[in-house]
Amino acid sequence: MLLVTTDFIPGKELEFLGLVHGSTIQTVNAFKDIGAGLKTLVGGELTKYNEMMNNARALATKRMVESAQQLGADAIIAMRYSSASVTQAAAEVMAYGTAVKFRN
């Protein structure tokens, strides 16, 4: 499945199939959250949160691609991510775009 952030694919005529998305809500366990809280006192990268967000983006993307495959899509154009805080320690990540089929 081809994923692009552009509104077109050079050299391809596209048939638009519709909006597709995938999402997940992720959190780190309480002990890692406490460790991250302590890390804010001294500064530095919150690696457990980076891992959580990377995993969330991967899962949201996988779910979006599965949705597009159910429509018979060849690609997803105008692909984007969004995120929102659900609780202090949990975040929702959504991947979305437009499913398309190649005409040529």
PDB file of N, CA and C in Angstrom:
ATOM      1  N   MET A   1       0.856  -1.172   0.000  1.00  0.00           N
ATOM      2  CA  MET A   1       0.000   0.000   0.000  1.00  0.00           C
ATOM      3  C   MET A   1       0.900   1.232   0.000  1.00  0.00           C
ATOM      4  N   LEU A   2       0.678   2.086  -0.972  1.00  0.00           N
ATOM      5  CA  LEU A   2       1.434   3.337  -1.074  1.00  0.00           C
ATOM      6  C   LEU A   2       0.767   4.389  -0.192  1.00  0.00           C
ATOM      7  N   LEU A   3       1.554   5.039   0.677  1.00  0.00           N
ATOM      8  CA  LEU A   3       1.061   6.118   1.532  1.00  0.00           C
ATOM      9  C   LEU A   3       1.816   7.384   1.182  1.00  0.00           C
ATOM     10  N   VAL A   4       1.084   8.454   0.854  1.00  0.00           N
ATOM     11  CA  VAL A   4       1.730   9.724   0.546  1.00  0.00           C
ATOM     12  C   VAL A   4       1.005  10.857   1.265  1.00  0.00           C
ATOM     13  N   THR A   5       1.741  11.922   1.537  1.00  0.00           N
ATOM     14  CA  THR A   5       1.138  13.087   2.186  1.00  0.00           C
ATOM     15  C   THR A   5       0.653  14.111   1.164  1.00  0.00           C
ATOM     16  N   THR A   6       0.939  13.876  -0.102  1.00  0.00           N
ATOM     17  CA  THR A   6       0.501  14.780  -1.157  1.00  0.00           C
ATOM     18  C   THR A   6      -0.931  14.471  -1.571  1.00  0.00           C
ATOM     19  N   ASP A   7      -1.536  15.397  -2.315  1.00  0.00           N
ATOM     20  CA  ASP A   7      -2.915  15.215  -2.782  1.00  0.00           C
ATOM     21  C   ASP A   7      -2.985  14.485  -4.116  1.00  0.00           C
ATOM     22  N   PHE A   8      -1.852  14.066  -4.638  1.00  0.00           N
ATOM     23  CA  PHE A   8      -1.793  13.383  -5.939  1.00  0.00           C
ATOM     24  C   PHE A   8      -0.582  12.469  -5.947  1.00  0.00           C
ATOM     25  N   ILE A   9      -0.542  11.601  -6.948  1.00  0.00           N
ATOM     26  CA  ILE A   9       0.616  10.735  -7.177  1.00  0.00           C
ATOM     27  C   ILE A   9       1.038  10.980  -8.616  1.00  0.00           C
ATOM     28  N   PRO A  10       2.223  11.528  -8.837  1.00  0.00           N
ATOM     29  CA  PRO A  10       2.654  11.848 -10.197  1.00  0.00           C
ATOM     30  C   PRO A  10       2.527  10.650 -11.137  1.00  0.00           C
ATOM     31  N   GLY A  11       1.937  10.905 -12.301  1.00  0.00           N
ATOM     32  CA  GLY A  11       1.798   9.881 -13.327  1.00  0.00           C
ATOM     33  C   GLY A  11       0.627   8.938 -13.119  1.00  0.00           C
ATOM     34  N   LYS A  12      -0.170   9.149 -12.087  1.00  0.00           N
ATOM     35  CA  LYS A  12      -1.297   8.261 -11.816  1.00  0.00           C
ATOM     36  C   LYS A  12      -2.604   9.033 -11.888  1.00  0.00           C
ATOM     37  N   GLU A  13      -3.579   8.432 -12.560  1.00  0.00           N
ATOM     38  CA  GLU A  13      -4.939   8.962 -12.530  1.00  0.00           C
ATOM     39  C   GLU A  13      -5.651   8.228 -11.406  1.00  0.00           C
ATOM     40  N   LEU A  14      -6.326   8.970 -10.542  1.00  0.00           N
ATOM     41  CA  LEU A  14      -6.861   8.391  -9.318  1.00  0.00           C
ATOM     42  C   LEU A  14      -8.382   8.362  -9.292  1.00  0.00           C
ATOM     43  N   GLU A  15      -8.910   7.292  -8.744  1.00  0.00           N
ATOM     44  CA  GLU A  15     -10.328   7.191  -8.434  1.00  0.00           C
ATOM     45  C   GLU A  15     -10.435   7.264  -6.913  1.00  0.00           C
ATOM     46  N   PHE A  16     -11.162   8.245  -6.426  1.00  0.00           N
ATOM     47  CA  PHE A  16     -11.273   8.459  -4.991  1.00  0.00           C
ATOM     48  C   PHE A  16     -12.297   7.500  -4.393  1.00  0.00           C
ATOM     49  N   LEU A  17     -11.894   6.783  -3.336  1.00  0.00           N
ATOM     50  CA  LEU A  17     -12.768   5.806  -2.697  1.00  0.00           C
ATOM     51  C   LEU A  17     -13.355   6.325  -1.388  1.00  0.00           C
ATOM     52  N   GLY A  18     -12.695   7.270  -0.758  1.00  0.00           N
ATOM     53  CA  GLY A  18     -13.234   7.838   0.466  1.00  0.00           C
ATOM     54  C   GLY A  18     -12.219   7.945   1.584  1.00  0.00           C
ATOM     55  N   LEU A  19     -12.661   8.557   2.657  1.00  0.00           N
ATOM     56  CA  LEU A  19     -11.844   8.767   3.844  1.00  0.00           C
ATOM     57  C   LEU A  19     -11.615   7.441   4.559  1.00  0.00           C
ATOM     58  N   VAL A  20     -10.379   7.229   4.981  1.00  0.00           N
ATOM     59  CA  VAL A  20     -10.047   6.066   5.802  1.00  0.00           C
ATOM     60  C   VAL A  20      -9.275   6.557   7.022  1.00  0.00           C
ATOM     61  N   HIS A  21      -9.408   5.826   8.100  1.00  0.00           N
ATOM     62  CA  HIS A  21      -8.678   6.207   9.311  1.00  0.00           C
ATOM     63  C   HIS A  21      -8.418   4.976  10.169  1.00  0.00           C
ATOM     64  N   GLY A  22      -7.506   5.150  11.075  1.00  0.00           N
ATOM     65  CA  GLY A  22      -7.224   4.151  12.094  1.00  0.00           C
ATOM     66  C   GLY A  22      -6.809   4.895  13.337  1.00  0.00           C
ATOM     67  N   SER A  23      -7.155   4.363  14.495  1.00  0.00           N
ATOM     68  CA  SER A  23      -6.780   5.059  15.726  1.00  0.00           C
ATOM     69  C   SER A  23      -6.503   4.066  16.839  1.00  0.00           C
ATOM     70  N   THR A  24      -5.867   4.568  17.875  1.00  0.00           N
ATOM     71  CA  THR A  24      -5.593   3.796  19.078  1.00  0.00           C
ATOM     72  C   THR A  24      -5.404   4.764  20.233  1.00  0.00           C
ATOM     73  N   ILE A  25      -5.664   4.282  21.420  1.00  0.00           N
ATOM     74  CA  ILE A  25      -5.364   5.042  22.636  1.00  0.00           C
ATOM     75  C   ILE A  25      -4.340   4.227  23.409  1.00  0.00           C
ATOM     76  N   GLN A  26      -3.234   4.863  23.734  1.00  0.00           N
ATOM     77  CA  GLN A  26      -2.116   4.180  24.378  1.00  0.00           C
ATOM     78  C   GLN A  26      -1.735   4.895  25.671  1.00  0.00           C
ATOM     79  N   THR A  27      -1.134   4.136  26.572  1.00  0.00           N
ATOM     80  CA  THR A  27      -0.587   4.686  27.807  1.00  0.00           C
ATOM     81  C   THR A  27       0.644   3.875  28.184  1.00  0.00           C
ATOM     82  N   VAL A  28       1.456   4.431  29.050  1.00  0.00           N
ATOM     83  CA  VAL A  28       2.573   3.667  29.606  1.00  0.00           C
ATOM     84  C   VAL A  28       2.130   3.166  30.979  1.00  0.00           C
ATOM     85  N   ASN A  29       2.811   2.128  31.490  1.00  0.00           N
ATOM     86  CA  ASN A  29       2.380   1.632  32.797  1.00  0.00           C
ATOM     87  C   ASN A  29       2.739   2.635  33.892  1.00  0.00           C
ATOM     88  N   ALA A  30       2.132   2.479  35.042  1.00  0.00           N
ATOM     89  CA  ALA A  30       2.257   3.451  36.128  1.00  0.00           C
ATOM     90  C   ALA A  30       3.704   3.656  36.576  1.00  0.00           C
ATOM     91  N   PHE A  31       4.495   2.587  36.625  1.00  0.00           N
ATOM     92  CA  PHE A  31       5.875   2.729  37.076  1.00  0.00           C
ATOM     93  C   PHE A  31       6.696   3.559  36.088  1.00  0.00           C
ATOM     94  N   LYS A  32       6.474   3.337  34.801  1.00  0.00           N
ATOM     95  CA  LYS A  32       7.181   4.125  33.791  1.00  0.00           C
ATOM     96  C   LYS A  32       6.708   5.569  33.818  1.00  0.00           C
ATOM     97  N   ASP A  33       5.422   5.771  34.136  1.00  0.00           N
ATOM     98  CA  ASP A  33       4.886   7.126  34.236  1.00  0.00           C
ATOM     99  C   ASP A  33       5.524   7.870  35.409  1.00  0.00           C
ATOM    100  N   ILE A  34       5.717   7.192  36.525  1.00  0.00           N
ATOM    101  CA  ILE A  34       6.381   7.804  37.685  1.00  0.00           C
ATOM    102  C   ILE A  34       7.815   8.157  37.322  1.00  0.00           C
ATOM    103  N   GLY A  35       8.492   7.235  36.611  1.00  0.00           N
ATOM    104  CA  GLY A  35       9.866   7.499  36.167  1.00  0.00           C
ATOM    105  C   GLY A  35       9.936   8.703  35.245  1.00  0.00           C
ATOM    106  N   ALA A  36       8.957   8.835  34.372  1.00  0.00           N
ATOM    107  CA  ALA A  36       8.930   9.987  33.471  1.00  0.00           C
ATOM    108  C   ALA A  36       8.691  11.270  34.253  1.00  0.00           C
ATOM    109  N   GLY A  37       7.853  11.194  35.282  1.00  0.00           N
ATOM    110  CA  GLY A  37       7.617  12.362  36.125  1.00  0.00           C
ATOM    111  C   GLY A  37       8.890  12.816  36.810  1.00  0.00           C
ATOM    112  N   LEU A  38       9.681  11.870  37.297  1.00  0.00           N
ATOM    113  CA  LEU A  38      10.959  12.217  37.922  1.00  0.00           C
ATOM    114  C   LEU A  38      11.927  12.798  36.893  1.00  0.00           C
ATOM    115  N   LYS A  39      11.870  12.300  35.669  1.00  0.00           N
ATOM    116  CA  LYS A  39      12.757  12.770  34.608  1.00  0.00           C
ATOM    117  C   LYS A  39      12.508  14.255  34.318  1.00  0.00           C
ATOM    118  N   THR A  40      11.274  14.717  34.498  1.00  0.00           N
ATOM    119  CA  THR A  40      10.986  16.131  34.238  1.00  0.00           C
ATOM    120  C   THR A  40      11.716  17.044  35.208  1.00  0.00           C
ATOM    121  N   LEU A  41      12.128  16.516  36.358  1.00  0.00           N
ATOM    122  CA  LEU A  41      12.876  17.318  37.326  1.00  0.00           C
ATOM    123  C   LEU A  41      14.289  17.619  36.845  1.00  0.00           C
ATOM    124  N   VAL A  42      14.889  16.668  36.116  1.00  0.00           N
ATOM    125  CA  VAL A  42      16.279  16.836  35.677  1.00  0.00           C
ATOM    126  C   VAL A  42      16.401  17.130  34.185  1.00  0.00           C
ATOM    127  N   GLY A  43      15.316  16.941  33.462  1.00  0.00           N
ATOM    128  CA  GLY A  43      15.340  17.205  32.018  1.00  0.00           C
ATOM    129  C   GLY A  43      15.781  15.993  31.224  1.00  0.00           C
ATOM    130  N   GLY A  44      15.581  16.058  29.929  1.00  0.00           N
ATOM    131  CA  GLY A  44      15.985  14.977  29.048  1.00  0.00           C
ATOM    132  C   GLY A  44      14.810  14.379  28.306  1.00  0.00           C
ATOM    133  N   GLU A  45      15.137  13.458  27.447  1.00  0.00           N
ATOM    134  CA  GLU A  45      14.130  12.824  26.599  1.00  0.00           C
ATOM    135  C   GLU A  45      13.344  11.786  27.383  1.00  0.00           C
ATOM    136  N   LEU A  46      12.052  11.756  27.164  1.00  0.00           N
ATOM    137  CA  LEU A  46      11.174  10.775  27.804  1.00  0.00           C
ATOM    138  C   LEU A  46      11.033   9.585  26.858  1.00  0.00           C
ATOM    139  N   THR A  47      12.007   8.692  26.887  1.00  0.00           N
ATOM    140  CA  THR A  47      12.085   7.613  25.897  1.00  0.00           C
ATOM    141  C   THR A  47      10.887   6.669  25.944  1.00  0.00           C
ATOM    142  N   LYS A  48      10.335   6.408  27.115  1.00  0.00           N
ATOM    143  CA  LYS A  48       9.179   5.502  27.201  1.00  0.00           C
ATOM    144  C   LYS A  48       7.966   6.119  26.511  1.00  0.00           C
ATOM    145  N   TYR A  49       7.822   7.432  26.608  1.00  0.00           N
ATOM    146  CA  TYR A  49       6.723   8.095  25.909  1.00  0.00           C
ATOM    147  C   TYR A  49       6.971   8.117  24.404  1.00  0.00           C
ATOM    148  N   ASN A  50       8.228   8.291  23.998  1.00  0.00           N
ATOM    149  CA  ASN A  50       8.549   8.199  22.568  1.00  0.00           C
ATOM    150  C   ASN A  50       8.189   6.827  22.026  1.00  0.00           C
ATOM    151  N   GLU A  51       8.553   5.789  22.767  1.00  0.00           N
ATOM    152  CA  GLU A  51       8.227   4.424  22.348  1.00  0.00           C
ATOM    153  C   GLU A  51       6.722   4.240  22.251  1.00  0.00           C
ATOM    154  N   MET A  52       6.002   4.749  23.253  1.00  0.00           N
ATOM    155  CA  MET A  52       4.547   4.619  23.256  1.00  0.00           C
ATOM    156  C   MET A  52       3.954   5.291  22.024  1.00  0.00           C
ATOM    157  N   MET A  53       4.402   6.513  21.711  1.00  0.00           N
ATOM    158  CA  MET A  53       3.848   7.240  20.571  1.00  0.00           C
ATOM    159  C   MET A  53       4.244   6.584  19.250  1.00  0.00           C
ATOM    160  N   ASN A  54       5.460   6.082  19.145  1.00  0.00           N
ATOM    161  CA  ASN A  54       5.868   5.367  17.926  1.00  0.00           C
ATOM    162  C   ASN A  54       4.999   4.128  17.721  1.00  0.00           C
ATOM    163  N   ASN A  55       4.767   3.372  18.796  1.00  0.00           N
ATOM    164  CA  ASN A  55       3.903   2.192  18.699  1.00  0.00           C
ATOM    165  C   ASN A  55       2.479   2.582  18.331  1.00  0.00           C
ATOM    166  N   ALA A  56       1.990   3.670  18.908  1.00  0.00           N
ATOM    167  CA  ALA A  56       0.627   4.128  18.621  1.00  0.00           C
ATOM    168  C   ALA A  56       0.494   4.543  17.158  1.00  0.00           C
ATOM    169  N   ARG A  57       1.481   5.278  16.633  1.00  0.00           N
ATOM    170  CA  ARG A  57       1.428   5.673  15.214  1.00  0.00           C
ATOM    171  C   ARG A  57       1.455   4.454  14.306  1.00  0.00           C
ATOM    172  N   ALA A  58       2.304   3.477  14.634  1.00  0.00           N
ATOM    173  CA  ALA A  58       2.391   2.260  13.819  1.00  0.00           C
ATOM    174  C   ALA A  58       1.059   1.502  13.819  1.00  0.00           C
ATOM    175  N   LEU A  59       0.429   1.383  14.976  1.00  0.00           N
ATOM    176  CA  LEU A  59      -0.839   0.667  15.066  1.00  0.00           C
ATOM    177  C   LEU A  59      -1.954   1.434  14.349  1.00  0.00           C
ATOM    178  N   ALA A  60      -2.005   2.759  14.526  1.00  0.00           N
ATOM    179  CA  ALA A  60      -3.021   3.570  13.845  1.00  0.00           C
ATOM    180  C   ALA A  60      -2.845   3.471  12.327  1.00  0.00           C
ATOM    181  N   THR A  61      -1.597   3.500  11.861  1.00  0.00           N
ATOM    182  CA  THR A  61      -1.325   3.384  10.426  1.00  0.00           C
ATOM    183  C   THR A  61      -1.769   2.023   9.912  1.00  0.00           C
ATOM    184  N   LYS A  62      -1.447   0.970  10.653  1.00  0.00           N
ATOM    185  CA  LYS A  62      -1.850  -0.391  10.256  1.00  0.00           C
ATOM    186  C   LYS A  62      -3.373  -0.483  10.131  1.00  0.00           C
ATOM    187  N   ARG A  63      -4.080   0.077  11.076  1.00  0.00           N
ATOM    188  CA  ARG A  63      -5.540   0.029  11.036  1.00  0.00           C
ATOM    189  C   ARG A  63      -6.105   0.845   9.873  1.00  0.00           C
ATOM    190  N   MET A  64      -5.477   1.975   9.574  1.00  0.00           N
ATOM    191  CA  MET A  64      -5.908   2.790   8.436  1.00  0.00           C
ATOM    192  C   MET A  64      -5.699   2.020   7.132  1.00  0.00           C
ATOM    193  N   VAL A  65      -4.547   1.383   6.985  1.00  0.00           N
ATOM    194  CA  VAL A  65      -4.246   0.610   5.780  1.00  0.00           C
ATOM    195  C   VAL A  65      -5.238  -0.544   5.624  1.00  0.00           C
ATOM    196  N   GLU A  66      -5.556  -1.215   6.714  1.00  0.00           N
ATOM    197  CA  GLU A  66      -6.543  -2.305   6.654  1.00  0.00           C
ATOM    198  C   GLU A  66      -7.898  -1.787   6.183  1.00  0.00           C
ATOM    199  N   SER A  67      -8.274  -0.605   6.642  1.00  0.00           N
ATOM    200  CA  SER A  67      -9.534   0.010   6.216  1.00  0.00           C
ATOM    201  C   SER A  67      -9.513   0.296   4.715  1.00  0.00           C
ATOM    202  N   ALA A  68      -8.377   0.803   4.226  1.00  0.00           N
ATOM    203  CA  ALA A  68      -8.244   1.099   2.799  1.00  0.00           C
ATOM    204  C   ALA A  68      -8.255  -0.183   1.970  1.00  0.00           C
ATOM    205  N   GLN A  69      -7.626  -1.229   2.465  1.00  0.00           N
ATOM    206  CA  GLN A  69      -7.602  -2.502   1.742  1.00  0.00           C
ATOM    207  C   GLN A  69      -9.004  -3.074   1.601  1.00  0.00           C
ATOM    208  N   GLN A  70      -9.852  -2.877   2.593  1.00  0.00           N
ATOM    209  CA  GLN A  70     -11.233  -3.357   2.523  1.00  0.00           C
ATOM    210  C   GLN A  70     -12.003  -2.652   1.407  1.00  0.00           C
ATOM    211  N   LEU A  71     -11.576  -1.434   1.053  1.00  0.00           N
ATOM    212  CA  LEU A  71     -12.207  -0.692  -0.042  1.00  0.00           C
ATOM    213  C   LEU A  71     -11.587  -1.021  -1.400  1.00  0.00           C
ATOM    214  N   GLY A  72     -10.523  -1.834  -1.391  1.00  0.00           N
ATOM    215  CA  GLY A  72      -9.832  -2.168  -2.634  1.00  0.00           C
ATOM    216  C   GLY A  72      -8.860  -1.095  -3.087  1.00  0.00           C
ATOM    217  N   ALA A  73      -8.375  -0.289  -2.170  1.00  0.00           N
ATOM    218  CA  ALA A  73      -7.486   0.822  -2.506  1.00  0.00           C
ATOM    219  C   ALA A  73      -6.090   0.349  -2.890  1.00  0.00           C
ATOM    220  N   ASP A  74      -5.454   1.143  -3.764  1.00  0.00           N
ATOM    221  CA  ASP A  74      -4.054   0.933  -4.124  1.00  0.00           C
ATOM    222  C   ASP A  74      -3.136   1.836  -3.311  1.00  0.00           C
ATOM    223  N   ALA A  75      -3.696   2.939  -2.807  1.00  0.00           N
ATOM    224  CA  ALA A  75      -2.883   3.929  -2.100  1.00  0.00           C
ATOM    225  C   ALA A  75      -3.762   4.769  -1.187  1.00  0.00           C
ATOM    226  N   ILE A  76      -3.093   5.505  -0.305  1.00  0.00           N
ATOM    227  CA  ILE A  76      -3.757   6.505   0.523  1.00  0.00           C
ATOM    228  C   ILE A  76      -3.021   7.817   0.295  1.00  0.00           C
ATOM    229  N   ILE A  77      -3.782   8.831  -0.120  1.00  0.00           N
ATOM    230  CA  ILE A  77      -3.186  10.145  -0.346  1.00  0.00           C
ATOM    231  C   ILE A  77      -3.596  11.093   0.781  1.00  0.00           C
ATOM    232  N   ALA A  78      -2.904  12.223   0.861  1.00  0.00           N
ATOM    233  CA  ALA A  78      -3.174  13.256   1.872  1.00  0.00           C
ATOM    234  C   ALA A  78      -3.171  12.658   3.273  1.00  0.00           C
ATOM    235  N   MET A  79      -2.257  11.724   3.509  1.00  0.00           N
ATOM    236  CA  MET A  79      -2.181  11.020   4.783  1.00  0.00           C
ATOM    237  C   MET A  79      -1.660  11.958   5.866  1.00  0.00           C
ATOM    238  N   ARG A  80      -2.292  11.907   7.031  1.00  0.00           N
ATOM    239  CA  ARG A  80      -1.920  12.758   8.160  1.00  0.00           C
ATOM    240  C   ARG A  80      -2.060  11.984   9.469  1.00  0.00           C
ATOM    241  N   TYR A  81      -1.414  12.513  10.506  1.00  0.00           N
ATOM    242  CA  TYR A  81      -1.577  12.025  11.868  1.00  0.00           C
ATOM    243  C   TYR A  81      -2.142  13.148  12.729  1.00  0.00           C
ATOM    244  N   SER A  82      -2.922  12.760  13.714  1.00  0.00           N
ATOM    245  CA  SER A  82      -3.323  13.718  14.743  1.00  0.00           C
ATOM    246  C   SER A  82      -3.233  12.994  16.077  1.00  0.00           C
ATOM    247  N   SER A  83      -3.078  13.762  17.132  1.00  0.00           N
ATOM    248  CA  SER A  83      -3.042  13.161  18.460  1.00  0.00           C
ATOM    249  C   SER A  83      -3.753  14.073  19.440  1.00  0.00           C
ATOM    250  N   ALA A  84      -4.244  13.449  20.491  1.00  0.00           N
ATOM    251  CA  ALA A  84      -4.935  14.199  21.531  1.00  0.00           C
ATOM    252  C   ALA A  84      -4.717  13.500  22.860  1.00  0.00           C
ATOM    253  N   SER A  85      -4.635  14.266  23.888  1.00  0.00           N
ATOM    254  CA  SER A  85      -4.515  13.730  25.240  1.00  0.00           C
ATOM    255  C   SER A  85      -5.887  13.266  25.711  1.00  0.00           C
ATOM    256  N   VAL A  86      -5.960  12.041  26.178  1.00  0.00           N
ATOM    257  CA  VAL A  86      -7.216  11.493  26.688  1.00  0.00           C
ATOM    258  C   VAL A  86      -7.245  11.645  28.210  1.00  0.00           C
ATOM    259  N   THR A  87      -6.136  11.293  28.836  1.00  0.00           N
ATOM    260  CA  THR A  87      -5.920  11.537  30.263  1.00  0.00           C
ATOM    261  C   THR A  87      -4.496  12.065  30.374  1.00  0.00           C
ATOM    262  N   GLN A  88      -4.059  12.323  31.595  1.00  0.00           N
ATOM    263  CA  GLN A  88      -2.709  12.852  31.773  1.00  0.00           C
ATOM    264  C   GLN A  88      -1.647  11.885  31.241  1.00  0.00           C
ATOM    265  N   ALA A  89      -1.916  10.583  31.293  1.00  0.00           N
ATOM    266  CA  ALA A  89      -0.920   9.596  30.891  1.00  0.00           C
ATOM    267  C   ALA A  89      -1.314   8.800  29.650  1.00  0.00           C
ATOM    268  N   ALA A  90      -2.396   9.171  28.969  1.00  0.00           N
ATOM    269  CA  ALA A  90      -2.843   8.421  27.794  1.00  0.00           C
ATOM    270  C   ALA A  90      -3.078   9.370  26.633  1.00  0.00           C
ATOM    271  N   ALA A  91      -2.767   8.883  25.443  1.00  0.00           N
ATOM    272  CA  ALA A  91      -2.947   9.696  24.245  1.00  0.00           C
ATOM    273  C   ALA A  91      -3.623   8.879  23.154  1.00  0.00           C
ATOM    274  N   GLU A  92      -4.479   9.554  22.389  1.00  0.00           N
ATOM    275  CA  GLU A  92      -5.066   8.948  21.201  1.00  0.00           C
ATOM    276  C   GLU A  92      -4.253   9.407  20.004  1.00  0.00           C
ATOM    277  N   VAL A  93      -3.950   8.483  19.129  1.00  0.00           N
ATOM    278  CA  VAL A  93      -3.291   8.806  17.866  1.00  0.00           C
ATOM    279  C   VAL A  93      -4.209   8.332  16.755  1.00  0.00           C
ATOM    280  N   MET A  94      -4.425   9.199  15.771  1.00  0.00           N
ATOM    281  CA  MET A  94      -5.250   8.854  14.624  1.00  0.00           C
ATOM    282  C   MET A  94      -4.433   9.073  13.357  1.00  0.00           C
ATOM    283  N   ALA A  95      -4.517   8.116  12.452  1.00  0.00           N
ATOM    284  CA  ALA A  95      -3.946   8.242  11.109  1.00  0.00           C
ATOM    285  C   ALA A  95      -5.128   8.312  10.153  1.00  0.00           C
ATOM    286  N   TYR A  96      -5.083   9.242   9.207  1.00  0.00           N
ATOM    287  CA  TYR A  96      -6.205   9.359   8.278  1.00  0.00           C
ATOM    288  C   TYR A  96      -5.726   9.869   6.920  1.00  0.00           C
ATOM    289  N   GLY A  97      -6.530   9.607   5.920  1.00  0.00           N
ATOM    290  CA  GLY A  97      -6.224  10.034   4.563  1.00  0.00           C
ATOM    291  C   GLY A  97      -7.350   9.623   3.630  1.00  0.00           C
ATOM    292  N   THR A  98      -7.095   9.778   2.344  1.00  0.00           N
ATOM    293  CA  THR A  98      -8.086   9.445   1.322  1.00  0.00           C
ATOM    294  C   THR A  98      -7.630   8.202   0.573  1.00  0.00           C
ATOM    295  N   ALA A  99      -8.464   7.178   0.590  1.00  0.00           N
ATOM    296  CA  ALA A  99      -8.165   5.945  -0.135  1.00  0.00           C
ATOM    297  C   ALA A  99      -8.433   6.162  -1.620  1.00  0.00           C
ATOM    298  N   VAL A 100      -7.503   5.693  -2.459  1.00  0.00           N
ATOM    299  CA  VAL A 100      -7.656   5.851  -3.899  1.00  0.00           C
ATOM    300  C   VAL A 100      -7.293   4.553  -4.612  1.00  0.00           C
ATOM    301  N   LYS A 101      -7.829   4.429  -5.816  1.00  0.00           N
ATOM    302  CA  LYS A 101      -7.510   3.303  -6.700  1.00  0.00           C
ATOM    303  C   LYS A 101      -6.888   3.897  -7.954  1.00  0.00           C
ATOM    304  N   PHE A 102      -5.886   3.233  -8.500  1.00  0.00           N
ATOM    305  CA  PHE A 102      -5.234   3.699  -9.733  1.00  0.00           C
ATOM    306  C   PHE A 102      -6.120   3.371 -10.920  1.00  0.00           C
ATOM    307  N   ARG A 103      -6.301   4.345 -11.804  1.00  0.00           N
ATOM    308  CA  ARG A 103      -7.068   4.109 -13.041  1.00  0.00           C
ATOM    309  C   ARG A 103      -6.179   3.646 -14.185  1.00  0.00           C
ATOM    310  N   ASN A 104      -4.897   3.949 -14.102  1.00  0.00           N
ATOM    311  CA  ASN A 104      -3.975   3.547 -15.186  1.00  0.00           C
ATOM    312  C   ASN A 104      -2.785   2.832 -14.648  1.00  0.00           C
TER     313      ASN A 104
END
